[in-house]
Amino acid sequence: MNYLRPNLKRGNYTEEEQLMIIKLHGELGNKWSMIAASLTRRIDNDIKKTTGRSPEEVHQE
């Protein structure tokens, strides 16, 4: 839990979020903070960690 920002969302990504990450990564490249700004309550480091994994691995978190 992030105590400075308790409203952050951690863990599993919805299918919509995964598709948005894939789309934005294709358009923006490795600009994680810009991608995170497009997703509600997600941080850039979490998004960066998920891009190298398959959707099945992301759902198992």
PDB file of N, CA and C in Angstrom:
ATOM      1  N   MET A   1       0.837  -1.181   0.000  1.00  0.00           N
ATOM      2  CA  MET A   1       0.000   0.000   0.000  1.00  0.00           C
ATOM      3  C   MET A   1       0.879   1.241   0.000  1.00  0.00           C
ATOM      4  N   ASN A   2       0.490   2.218  -0.777  1.00  0.00           N
ATOM      5  CA  ASN A   2       1.186   3.483  -0.809  1.00  0.00           C
ATOM      6  C   ASN A   2       0.474   4.430   0.155  1.00  0.00           C
ATOM      7  N   TYR A   3       1.127   4.765   1.251  1.00  0.00           N
ATOM      8  CA  TYR A   3       0.481   5.570   2.276  1.00  0.00           C
ATOM      9  C   TYR A   3       0.344   7.032   1.883  1.00  0.00           C
ATOM     10  N   LEU A   4       1.173   7.504   0.975  1.00  0.00           N
ATOM     11  CA  LEU A   4       1.048   8.883   0.524  1.00  0.00           C
ATOM     12  C   LEU A   4      -0.083   9.045  -0.484  1.00  0.00           C
ATOM     13  N   ARG A   5      -0.382   7.983  -1.214  1.00  0.00           N
ATOM     14  CA  ARG A   5      -1.461   7.998  -2.199  1.00  0.00           C
ATOM     15  C   ARG A   5      -2.282   6.715  -2.048  1.00  0.00           C
ATOM     16  N   PRO A   6      -3.122   6.631  -1.024  1.00  0.00           N
ATOM     17  CA  PRO A   6      -3.847   5.386  -0.742  1.00  0.00           C
ATOM     18  C   PRO A   6      -4.874   4.996  -1.798  1.00  0.00           C
ATOM     19  N   ASN A   7      -5.236   5.903  -2.707  1.00  0.00           N
ATOM     20  CA  ASN A   7      -6.228   5.581  -3.728  1.00  0.00           C
ATOM     21  C   ASN A   7      -5.631   4.893  -4.949  1.00  0.00           C
ATOM     22  N   LEU A   8      -4.326   4.621  -4.945  1.00  0.00           N
ATOM     23  CA  LEU A   8      -3.706   3.937  -6.079  1.00  0.00           C
ATOM     24  C   LEU A   8      -4.205   2.510  -6.186  1.00  0.00           C
ATOM     25  N   LYS A   9      -4.353   2.071  -7.395  1.00  0.00           N
ATOM     26  CA  LYS A   9      -4.841   0.720  -7.676  1.00  0.00           C
ATOM     27  C   LYS A   9      -3.632  -0.182  -7.910  1.00  0.00           C
ATOM     28  N   ARG A  10      -3.569  -1.296  -7.216  1.00  0.00           N
ATOM     29  CA  ARG A  10      -2.450  -2.236  -7.354  1.00  0.00           C
ATOM     30  C   ARG A  10      -2.988  -3.594  -7.780  1.00  0.00           C
ATOM     31  N   GLY A  11      -2.115  -4.408  -8.355  1.00  0.00           N
ATOM     32  CA  GLY A  11      -2.513  -5.782  -8.661  1.00  0.00           C
ATOM     33  C   GLY A  11      -3.101  -5.954 -10.045  1.00  0.00           C
ATOM     34  N   ASN A  12      -4.137  -6.786 -10.121  1.00  0.00           N
ATOM     35  CA  ASN A  12      -4.702  -7.210 -11.401  1.00  0.00           C
ATOM     36  C   ASN A  12      -5.157  -6.054 -12.273  1.00  0.00           C
ATOM     37  N   TYR A  13      -4.916  -6.216 -13.579  1.00  0.00           N
ATOM     38  CA  TYR A  13      -5.370  -5.258 -14.577  1.00  0.00           C
ATOM     39  C   TYR A  13      -6.614  -5.819 -15.249  1.00  0.00           C
ATOM     40  N   THR A  14      -7.560  -4.943 -15.551  1.00  0.00           N
ATOM     41  CA  THR A  14      -8.722  -5.380 -16.301  1.00  0.00           C
ATOM     42  C   THR A  14      -8.305  -5.598 -17.752  1.00  0.00           C
ATOM     43  N   GLU A  15      -9.127  -6.286 -18.503  1.00  0.00           N
ATOM     44  CA  GLU A  15      -8.829  -6.514 -19.915  1.00  0.00           C
ATOM     45  C   GLU A  15      -8.762  -5.180 -20.663  1.00  0.00           C
ATOM     46  N   GLU A  16      -9.634  -4.248 -20.297  1.00  0.00           N
ATOM     47  CA  GLU A  16      -9.630  -2.926 -20.923  1.00  0.00           C
ATOM     48  C   GLU A  16      -8.318  -2.198 -20.647  1.00  0.00           C
ATOM     49  N   GLU A  17      -7.829  -2.292 -19.410  1.00  0.00           N
ATOM     50  CA  GLU A  17      -6.552  -1.649 -19.069  1.00  0.00           C
ATOM     51  C   GLU A  17      -5.404  -2.269 -19.852  1.00  0.00           C
ATOM     52  N   GLN A  18      -5.405  -3.590 -19.979  1.00  0.00           N
ATOM     53  CA  GLN A  18      -4.348  -4.266 -20.728  1.00  0.00           C
ATOM     54  C   GLN A  18      -4.332  -3.819 -22.185  1.00  0.00           C
ATOM     55  N   LEU A  19      -5.519  -3.750 -22.793  1.00  0.00           N
ATOM     56  CA  LEU A  19      -5.601  -3.319 -24.181  1.00  0.00           C
ATOM     57  C   LEU A  19      -5.141  -1.876 -24.335  1.00  0.00           C
ATOM     58  N   MET A  20      -5.495  -1.029 -23.390  1.00  0.00           N
ATOM     59  CA  MET A  20      -5.076   0.364 -23.430  1.00  0.00           C
ATOM     60  C   MET A  20      -3.556   0.484 -23.293  1.00  0.00           C
ATOM     61  N   ILE A  21      -2.960  -0.317 -22.405  1.00  0.00           N
ATOM     62  CA  ILE A  21      -1.510  -0.292 -22.228  1.00  0.00           C
ATOM     63  C   ILE A  21      -0.815  -0.714 -23.517  1.00  0.00           C
ATOM     64  N   ILE A  22      -1.297  -1.780 -24.133  1.00  0.00           N
ATOM     65  CA  ILE A  22      -0.696  -2.265 -25.385  1.00  0.00           C
ATOM     66  C   ILE A  22      -0.808  -1.197 -26.469  1.00  0.00           C
ATOM     67  N   LYS A  23      -1.980  -0.598 -26.586  1.00  0.00           N
ATOM     68  CA  LYS A  23      -2.208   0.439 -27.602  1.00  0.00           C
ATOM     69  C   LYS A  23      -1.292   1.641 -27.370  1.00  0.00           C
ATOM     70  N   LEU A  24      -1.272   2.143 -26.134  1.00  0.00           N
ATOM     71  CA  LEU A  24      -0.464   3.320 -25.828  1.00  0.00           C
ATOM     72  C   LEU A  24       1.027   3.035 -25.918  1.00  0.00           C
ATOM     73  N   HIS A  25       1.450   1.838 -25.554  1.00  0.00           N
ATOM     74  CA  HIS A  25       2.861   1.483 -25.666  1.00  0.00           C
ATOM     75  C   HIS A  25       3.278   1.472 -27.128  1.00  0.00           C
ATOM     76  N   GLY A  26       2.390   1.007 -28.002  1.00  0.00           N
ATOM     77  CA  GLY A  26       2.678   1.039 -29.432  1.00  0.00           C
ATOM     78  C   GLY A  26       2.790   2.456 -29.971  1.00  0.00           C
ATOM     79  N   GLU A  27       1.953   3.354 -29.453  1.00  0.00           N
ATOM     80  CA  GLU A  27       1.957   4.739 -29.914  1.00  0.00           C
ATOM     81  C   GLU A  27       3.064   5.578 -29.282  1.00  0.00           C
ATOM     82  N   LEU A  28       3.276   5.397 -27.965  1.00  0.00           N
ATOM     83  CA  LEU A  28       4.177   6.271 -27.216  1.00  0.00           C
ATOM     84  C   LEU A  28       5.544   5.663 -26.933  1.00  0.00           C
ATOM     85  N   GLY A  29       5.666   4.364 -27.089  1.00  0.00           N
ATOM     86  CA  GLY A  29       6.927   3.707 -26.740  1.00  0.00           C
ATOM     87  C   GLY A  29       7.046   3.560 -25.229  1.00  0.00           C
ATOM     88  N   ASN A  30       8.238   3.747 -24.711  1.00  0.00           N
ATOM     89  CA  ASN A  30       8.511   3.520 -23.289  1.00  0.00           C
ATOM     90  C   ASN A  30       8.285   4.765 -22.432  1.00  0.00           C
ATOM     91  N   LYS A  31       7.293   5.536 -22.741  1.00  0.00           N
ATOM     92  CA  LYS A  31       6.970   6.730 -21.948  1.00  0.00           C
ATOM     93  C   LYS A  31       5.939   6.334 -20.891  1.00  0.00           C
ATOM     94  N   TRP A  32       6.434   5.660 -19.852  1.00  0.00           N
ATOM     95  CA  TRP A  32       5.578   5.035 -18.851  1.00  0.00           C
ATOM     96  C   TRP A  32       4.710   6.033 -18.111  1.00  0.00           C
ATOM     97  N   SER A  33       5.247   7.205 -17.783  1.00  0.00           N
ATOM     98  CA  SER A  33       4.448   8.179 -17.042  1.00  0.00           C
ATOM     99  C   SER A  33       3.298   8.706 -17.887  1.00  0.00           C
ATOM    100  N   MET A  34       3.499   8.845 -19.192  1.00  0.00           N
ATOM    101  CA  MET A  34       2.419   9.291 -20.069  1.00  0.00           C
ATOM    102  C   MET A  34       1.349   8.204 -20.189  1.00  0.00           C
ATOM    103  N   ILE A  35       1.770   6.952 -20.238  1.00  0.00           N
ATOM    104  CA  ILE A  35       0.823   5.839 -20.296  1.00  0.00           C
ATOM    105  C   ILE A  35       0.043   5.777 -18.981  1.00  0.00           C
ATOM    106  N   ALA A  36       0.741   5.903 -17.860  1.00  0.00           N
ATOM    107  CA  ALA A  36       0.079   5.847 -16.548  1.00  0.00           C
ATOM    108  C   ALA A  36      -0.916   6.990 -16.382  1.00  0.00           C
ATOM    109  N   ALA A  37      -0.627   8.143 -16.953  1.00  0.00           N
ATOM    110  CA  ALA A  37      -1.547   9.280 -16.856  1.00  0.00           C
ATOM    111  C   ALA A  37      -2.865   8.989 -17.568  1.00  0.00           C
ATOM    112  N   SER A  38      -2.829   8.083 -18.541  1.00  0.00           N
ATOM    113  CA  SER A  38      -4.044   7.731 -19.283  1.00  0.00           C
ATOM    114  C   SER A  38      -4.892   6.690 -18.560  1.00  0.00           C
ATOM    115  N   LEU A  39      -4.316   6.041 -17.565  1.00  0.00           N
ATOM    116  CA  LEU A  39      -5.038   5.019 -16.797  1.00  0.00           C
ATOM    117  C   LEU A  39      -5.330   5.553 -15.400  1.00  0.00           C
ATOM    118  N   THR A  40      -6.532   5.363 -14.947  1.00  0.00           N
ATOM    119  CA  THR A  40      -6.943   5.868 -13.642  1.00  0.00           C
ATOM    120  C   THR A  40      -6.257   5.100 -12.520  1.00  0.00           C
ATOM    121  N   ARG A  41      -5.621   5.826 -11.633  1.00  0.00           N
ATOM    122  CA  ARG A  41      -5.046   5.289 -10.387  1.00  0.00           C
ATOM    123  C   ARG A  41      -3.946   4.252 -10.594  1.00  0.00           C
ATOM    124  N   ARG A  42      -3.223   4.301 -11.696  1.00  0.00           N
ATOM    125  CA  ARG A  42      -2.085   3.401 -11.909  1.00  0.00           C
ATOM    126  C   ARG A  42      -0.804   4.223 -11.960  1.00  0.00           C
ATOM    127  N   ILE A  43       0.311   3.609 -11.542  1.00  0.00           N
ATOM    128  CA  ILE A  43       1.585   4.325 -11.578  1.00  0.00           C
ATOM    129  C   ILE A  43       2.486   3.738 -12.657  1.00  0.00           C
ATOM    130  N   ASP A  44       3.410   4.554 -13.113  1.00  0.00           N
ATOM    131  CA  ASP A  44       4.256   4.180 -14.240  1.00  0.00           C
ATOM    132  C   ASP A  44       5.094   2.932 -13.994  1.00  0.00           C
ATOM    133  N   ASN A  45       5.611   2.751 -12.793  1.00  0.00           N
ATOM    134  CA  ASN A  45       6.459   1.599 -12.525  1.00  0.00           C
ATOM    135  C   ASN A  45       5.682   0.284 -12.620  1.00  0.00           C
ATOM    136  N   ASP A  46       4.447   0.264 -12.147  1.00  0.00           N
ATOM    137  CA  ASP A  46       3.621  -0.946 -12.256  1.00  0.00           C
ATOM    138  C   ASP A  46       3.329  -1.273 -13.716  1.00  0.00           C
ATOM    139  N   ILE A  47       3.056  -0.253 -14.505  1.00  0.00           N
ATOM    140  CA  ILE A  47       2.775  -0.469 -15.925  1.00  0.00           C
ATOM    141  C   ILE A  47       4.019  -0.985 -16.634  1.00  0.00           C
ATOM    142  N   LYS A  48       5.155  -0.423 -16.314  1.00  0.00           N
ATOM    143  CA  LYS A  48       6.415  -0.845 -16.925  1.00  0.00           C
ATOM    144  C   LYS A  48       6.694  -2.320 -16.635  1.00  0.00           C
ATOM    145  N   LYS A  49       6.411  -2.747 -15.407  1.00  0.00           N
ATOM    146  CA  LYS A  49       6.659  -4.141 -15.037  1.00  0.00           C
ATOM    147  C   LYS A  49       5.728  -5.107 -15.764  1.00  0.00           C
ATOM    148  N   THR A  50       4.542  -4.664 -16.155  1.00  0.00           N
ATOM    149  CA  THR A  50       3.590  -5.571 -16.797  1.00  0.00           C
ATOM    150  C   THR A  50       3.819  -5.718 -18.296  1.00  0.00           C
ATOM    151  N   THR A  51       4.495  -4.790 -18.941  1.00  0.00           N
ATOM    152  CA  THR A  51       4.600  -4.840 -20.397  1.00  0.00           C
ATOM    153  C   THR A  51       5.450  -5.993 -20.903  1.00  0.00           C
ATOM    154  N   GLY A  52       6.330  -6.511 -20.106  1.00  0.00           N
ATOM    155  CA  GLY A  52       7.177  -7.615 -20.530  1.00  0.00           C
ATOM    156  C   GLY A  52       6.585  -8.976 -20.245  1.00  0.00           C
ATOM    157  N   ARG A  53       5.351  -9.001 -19.728  1.00  0.00           N
ATOM    158  CA  ARG A  53       4.730 -10.267 -19.344  1.00  0.00           C
ATOM    159  C   ARG A  53       3.488 -10.528 -20.172  1.00  0.00           C
ATOM    160  N   SER A  54       3.124 -11.776 -20.233  1.00  0.00           N
ATOM    161  CA  SER A  54       1.909 -12.149 -20.969  1.00  0.00           C
ATOM    162  C   SER A  54       0.679 -11.773 -20.155  1.00  0.00           C
ATOM    163  N   PRO A  55      -0.474 -11.622 -20.808  1.00  0.00           N
ATOM    164  CA  PRO A  55      -1.707 -11.299 -20.063  1.00  0.00           C
ATOM    165  C   PRO A  55      -2.050 -12.308 -18.977  1.00  0.00           C
ATOM    166  N   GLU A  56      -1.722 -13.584 -19.186  1.00  0.00           N
ATOM    167  CA  GLU A  56      -1.997 -14.600 -18.164  1.00  0.00           C
ATOM    168  C   GLU A  56      -1.190 -14.328 -16.904  1.00  0.00           C
ATOM    169  N   GLU A  57       0.075 -13.917 -17.058  1.00  0.00           N
ATOM    170  CA  GLU A  57       0.893 -13.627 -15.905  1.00  0.00           C
ATOM    171  C   GLU A  57       0.387 -12.402 -15.148  1.00  0.00           C
ATOM    172  N   VAL A  58      -0.112 -11.421 -15.878  1.00  0.00           N
ATOM    173  CA  VAL A  58      -0.628 -10.214 -15.246  1.00  0.00           C
ATOM    174  C   VAL A  58      -1.842 -10.534 -14.404  1.00  0.00           C
ATOM    175  N   HIS A  59      -2.745 -11.403 -14.895  1.00  0.00           N
ATOM    176  CA  HIS A  59      -3.951 -11.761 -14.156  1.00  0.00           C
ATOM    177  C   HIS A  59      -3.654 -12.580 -12.913  1.00  0.00           C
ATOM    178  N   GLN A  60      -2.509 -13.259 -12.856  1.00  0.00           N
ATOM    179  CA  GLN A  60      -2.206 -14.099 -11.698  1.00  0.00           C
ATOM    180  C   GLN A  60      -1.677 -13.317 -10.514  1.00  0.00           C
ATOM    181  N   GLU A  61      -1.362 -12.043 -10.656  1.00  0.00           N
ATOM    182  CA  GLU A  61      -0.848 -11.249  -9.539  1.00  0.00           C
ATOM    183  C   GLU A  61      -1.827 -11.173  -8.411  1.00  0.00           C
TER     184      GLU A  61
END
